[in-house]
């Protein structure tokens, strides 16, 4: 009798816990694998802007059709260890945690890979659930994509302004040209607005944004000279 109850309990766990978890796991694997080859159709921020009646601008383009200084600017301004880490910059995360504990303002320790995980698969937010899922998807994309694809997706889903998503739309919006034709200065200004794309303007940045863009422009040369972009083949 006891043995039968034990088998029944095991069967219940398999049916209502293990099986659903395996289905979810399989779904996420297939989802990440799909985005390895096809453009990300939309993101949660894009959907929110569309529902709010905003004019959503985006035009998917391959990394080869984006000026090479833009991904270099992303590495310079957003993720200096992009080509060498496995999705997480532990040093940056540690500094961010120390700053938060001391009540100081500091940019979060998220890598480009983590931002892709958040933008392409999840939603904005700071809950532990969302952060846990972000870490999970970050591991998946690092395992299943190469660095070129991670950068390509990032440059196509990142928000560069109100309703402006991706490098091509940003280049057209701010400079009336293609992403392939960006100058080094323009690439630096685009990346300088990424921390706060709704409040900053890449066309004629002022104050801190202008100074930050100038620093990124100088750092682009370092990224290029030191081979920090070697994983991109550009």
Protein backbone atom coordinates (compact mmCIF):
# COMPACT_ATOMS: atom_id res chain seq x y z
CA UNK A 1 0.00 0.00 0.00
CA UNK A 2 2.79 2.38 1.01
CA UNK A 3 4.71 1.42 -2.10
CA UNK A 4 1.71 2.27 -4.27
CA UNK A 5 1.36 5.70 -2.66
CA UNK A 6 5.07 6.35 -3.23
CA UNK A 7 4.81 5.39 -6.91
CA UNK A 8 1.73 7.61 -7.27
CA UNK A 9 3.60 10.56 -5.75
CA UNK A 10 6.57 9.99 -8.06
CA UNK A 11 4.23 9.82 -11.06
CA UNK A 12 2.61 13.13 -10.01
CA UNK A 13 6.00 14.83 -9.71
CA UNK A 14 7.05 13.60 -13.15
CA UNK A 15 3.76 14.64 -14.75
CA UNK A 16 3.32 18.07 -13.16
CA UNK A 17 6.88 19.18 -12.40
CA UNK A 18 9.57 17.36 -14.37
CA UNK A 19 7.70 17.11 -17.67
CA UNK A 20 6.66 20.80 -17.80
CA UNK A 21 10.22 21.85 -16.94
CA UNK A 22 11.61 19.68 -19.75
CA UNK A 23 9.10 21.17 -22.19
CA UNK A 24 10.07 24.71 -21.18
CA UNK A 25 13.76 23.83 -21.44
CA UNK A 26 13.29 22.35 -24.92
CA UNK A 27 11.29 25.40 -26.02
CA UNK A 28 13.98 27.85 -24.89
CA UNK A 29 16.68 25.82 -26.64
CA UNK A 30 14.73 25.88 -29.91
CA UNK A 31 13.94 29.58 -29.47
CA UNK A 32 17.59 30.52 -29.02
CA UNK A 33 18.61 28.26 -31.89
CA UNK A 34 16.02 29.91 -34.16
CA UNK A 35 17.36 33.40 -33.43
CA UNK A 36 20.83 32.15 -34.30
CA UNK A 37 19.70 32.16 -37.93
CA UNK A 38 16.68 34.46 -38.33
CA UNK A 39 16.17 38.13 -37.38
CA UNK A 40 14.52 38.85 -34.05
CA UNK A 41 11.01 39.90 -35.15
CA UNK A 42 10.27 42.19 -32.19
CA UNK A 43 11.17 42.89 -28.56
CA UNK A 44 9.04 43.81 -25.56
CA UNK A 45 10.11 47.51 -25.67
CA UNK A 46 9.22 47.62 -29.39
CA UNK A 47 5.82 46.09 -28.66
CA UNK A 48 5.18 48.59 -25.84
CA UNK A 49 6.05 51.53 -28.10
CA UNK A 50 3.79 50.19 -30.83
CA UNK A 51 0.87 49.67 -28.44
CA UNK A 52 1.41 53.19 -27.10
CA UNK A 53 0.99 54.52 -30.63
CA UNK A 54 4.59 55.55 -31.12
CA UNK A 55 6.29 55.40 -34.51
CA UNK A 56 8.58 52.38 -34.21
CA UNK A 57 11.58 52.53 -36.53
CA UNK A 58 13.71 49.45 -37.13
CA UNK A 59 15.40 47.94 -40.17
CA UNK A 60 17.32 44.71 -39.63
CA UNK A 61 20.75 44.70 -41.24
CA UNK A 62 23.68 42.31 -41.13
CA UNK A 63 26.88 43.10 -39.26
CA UNK A 64 28.72 43.30 -42.60
CA UNK A 65 26.47 46.23 -43.57
CA UNK A 66 27.32 48.20 -40.44
CA UNK A 67 30.44 50.36 -40.28
CA UNK A 68 33.08 48.51 -38.29
CA UNK A 69 33.58 51.45 -35.93
CA UNK A 70 30.10 50.95 -34.47
CA UNK A 71 30.73 47.47 -32.98
CA UNK A 72 34.14 48.76 -31.88
CA UNK A 73 32.38 51.66 -30.17
CA UNK A 74 30.05 49.18 -28.43
CA UNK A 75 33.06 47.26 -27.13
CA UNK A 76 34.72 50.51 -26.08
CA UNK A 77 31.72 51.96 -24.31
CA UNK A 78 29.66 48.97 -23.24
CA UNK A 79 31.74 45.81 -22.91
CA UNK A 80 35.55 45.99 -23.12
CA UNK A 81 35.95 42.23 -22.53
CA UNK A 82 33.29 41.21 -25.04
CA UNK A 83 35.61 38.97 -27.07
CA UNK A 84 37.12 37.18 -24.09
CA UNK A 85 34.34 36.66 -21.54
CA UNK A 86 31.73 33.89 -21.58
CA UNK A 87 28.74 36.17 -21.17
CA UNK A 88 29.57 37.69 -17.78
CA UNK A 89 32.15 40.28 -16.71
CA UNK A 90 32.70 39.27 -13.09
CA UNK A 91 34.92 42.26 -12.37
CA UNK A 92 32.31 44.75 -13.63
CA UNK A 93 29.56 42.94 -11.71
CA UNK A 94 31.62 43.08 -8.51
CA UNK A 95 32.25 46.82 -8.92
CA UNK A 96 28.57 47.46 -9.60
CA UNK A 97 27.57 45.53 -6.46
CA UNK A 98 30.08 47.45 -4.34
CA UNK A 99 28.82 50.78 -5.70
CA UNK A 100 25.21 49.83 -5.07
CA UNK A 101 26.03 48.76 -1.53
CA UNK A 102 27.69 52.12 -0.89
CA UNK A 103 24.79 54.02 -2.45
CA UNK A 104 26.89 55.34 -5.31
CA UNK A 105 25.63 55.55 -8.89
CA UNK A 106 27.41 53.26 -11.32
CA UNK A 107 26.50 51.75 -14.61
CA UNK A 108 25.37 48.15 -14.21
CA UNK A 109 27.77 45.31 -14.92
CA UNK A 110 25.72 43.87 -17.80
CA UNK A 111 27.67 42.66 -20.81
CA UNK A 112 26.49 42.89 -24.41
CA UNK A 113 25.51 39.21 -24.17
CA UNK A 114 23.35 39.89 -21.11
CA UNK A 115 21.72 42.85 -22.83
CA UNK A 116 20.92 40.67 -25.85
CA UNK A 117 19.39 38.06 -23.53
CA UNK A 118 17.23 40.75 -21.92
CA UNK A 119 16.25 42.57 -25.12
CA UNK A 120 15.66 39.61 -27.44
CA UNK A 121 14.02 37.14 -25.04
CA UNK A 122 12.78 38.95 -21.93
CA UNK A 123 11.40 42.23 -20.61
CA UNK A 124 12.89 45.23 -18.79
CA UNK A 125 12.93 44.99 -15.02
CA UNK A 126 15.00 44.35 -11.92
CA UNK A 127 13.25 41.39 -10.30
CA UNK A 128 15.23 38.32 -9.26
CA UNK A 129 13.16 36.20 -11.64
CA UNK A 130 14.03 38.39 -14.61
CA UNK A 131 17.71 38.50 -13.65
CA UNK A 132 17.76 34.73 -13.23
CA UNK A 133 16.22 34.20 -16.67
CA UNK A 134 18.65 36.72 -18.12
CA UNK A 135 21.58 34.68 -16.79
CA UNK A 136 20.03 31.50 -18.21
CA UNK A 137 19.53 32.95 -21.68
CA UNK A 138 22.99 34.53 -21.58
CA UNK A 139 24.54 31.10 -21.10
CA UNK A 140 22.43 29.68 -23.93
CA UNK A 141 23.37 32.33 -26.48
CA UNK A 142 27.05 32.09 -25.56
CA UNK A 143 26.86 28.32 -26.10
CA UNK A 144 24.78 28.37 -29.28
CA UNK A 145 25.81 31.60 -31.06
CA UNK A 146 29.18 33.01 -32.02
CA UNK A 147 30.31 36.47 -30.96
CA UNK A 148 29.56 37.96 -34.38
CA UNK A 149 25.93 36.90 -34.10
CA UNK A 150 25.65 38.25 -30.57
CA UNK A 151 26.95 41.65 -31.69
CA UNK A 152 24.75 41.59 -34.80
CA UNK A 153 21.59 40.94 -32.78
CA UNK A 154 22.58 43.57 -30.22
CA UNK A 155 23.06 46.23 -32.90
CA UNK A 156 19.65 45.39 -34.35
CA UNK A 157 17.54 45.39 -31.18
CA UNK A 158 19.23 48.07 -29.04
CA UNK A 159 17.17 51.22 -28.46
CA UNK A 160 18.91 54.37 -29.74
CA UNK A 161 16.05 56.81 -29.20
CA UNK A 162 12.31 57.04 -28.72
CA UNK A 163 10.96 54.32 -31.00
CA UNK A 164 14.34 53.95 -32.75
CA UNK A 165 15.70 50.40 -32.67
CA UNK A 166 18.83 49.08 -34.29
CA UNK A 167 21.85 50.63 -35.97
CA UNK A 168 20.29 51.11 -39.41
CA UNK A 169 17.21 52.91 -38.08
CA UNK A 170 19.43 55.02 -35.79
CA UNK A 171 21.76 56.03 -38.62
CA UNK A 172 18.78 57.01 -40.78
CA UNK A 173 17.05 58.83 -37.93
CA UNK A 174 19.99 60.87 -36.69
CA UNK A 175 22.23 61.27 -39.74
CA UNK A 176 20.07 60.45 -42.76
CA UNK A 177 22.51 57.79 -43.96
CA UNK A 178 22.99 54.04 -43.78
CA UNK A 179 24.76 52.33 -40.90
CA UNK A 180 27.45 51.30 -43.38
CA UNK A 181 28.33 54.98 -43.97
CA UNK A 182 28.74 56.08 -40.36
CA UNK A 183 31.85 58.04 -39.43
CA UNK A 184 33.83 57.19 -36.30
CA UNK A 185 32.46 60.25 -34.54
CA UNK A 186 28.87 59.32 -35.42
CA UNK A 187 29.40 55.74 -34.23
CA UNK A 188 30.75 57.04 -30.91
CA UNK A 189 27.77 59.37 -30.47
CA UNK A 190 25.30 56.56 -31.13
CA UNK A 191 26.87 54.40 -28.43
CA UNK A 192 27.03 57.36 -26.05
CA UNK A 193 23.21 57.54 -26.00
CA UNK A 194 22.70 53.82 -25.23
CA UNK A 195 22.71 54.17 -21.42
CA UNK A 196 19.75 56.56 -21.67
CA UNK A 197 18.36 56.57 -25.24
CA UNK A 198 15.11 58.35 -24.36
CA UNK A 199 16.86 61.37 -22.81
CA UNK A 200 19.97 61.64 -25.00
CA UNK A 201 20.35 62.77 -28.60
CA UNK A 202 23.06 61.41 -30.90
CA UNK A 203 22.57 64.17 -33.46
CA UNK A 204 23.88 67.00 -31.32
CA UNK A 205 24.84 65.66 -27.88
CA UNK A 206 25.53 68.08 -25.06
CA UNK A 207 27.20 68.07 -21.68
CA UNK A 208 28.14 64.64 -20.34
CA UNK A 209 26.88 62.82 -23.45
CA UNK A 210 29.15 64.92 -25.71
CA UNK A 211 32.15 64.31 -23.46
CA UNK A 212 31.38 60.60 -23.22
CA UNK A 213 31.12 60.37 -27.02
CA UNK A 214 34.56 61.97 -27.36
CA UNK A 215 36.03 59.43 -24.94
CA UNK A 216 34.43 56.54 -26.83
CA UNK A 217 35.84 57.94 -30.07
CA UNK A 218 39.34 57.81 -28.57
CA UNK A 219 38.73 54.33 -27.13
CA UNK A 220 37.68 53.01 -30.57
CA UNK A 221 41.28 53.43 -31.71
CA UNK A 222 42.48 51.41 -28.73
CA UNK A 223 39.96 48.63 -29.44
CA UNK A 224 41.16 48.53 -33.05
CA UNK A 225 44.88 48.71 -32.28
CA UNK A 226 44.79 46.19 -29.42
CA UNK A 227 42.63 43.67 -31.27
CA UNK A 228 39.83 43.78 -28.72
CA UNK A 229 37.46 43.23 -31.66
CA UNK A 230 39.28 40.13 -32.94
CA UNK A 231 36.28 37.84 -32.40
CA UNK A 232 34.25 39.88 -34.91
CA UNK A 233 36.61 39.49 -37.87
CA UNK A 234 36.26 43.16 -38.87
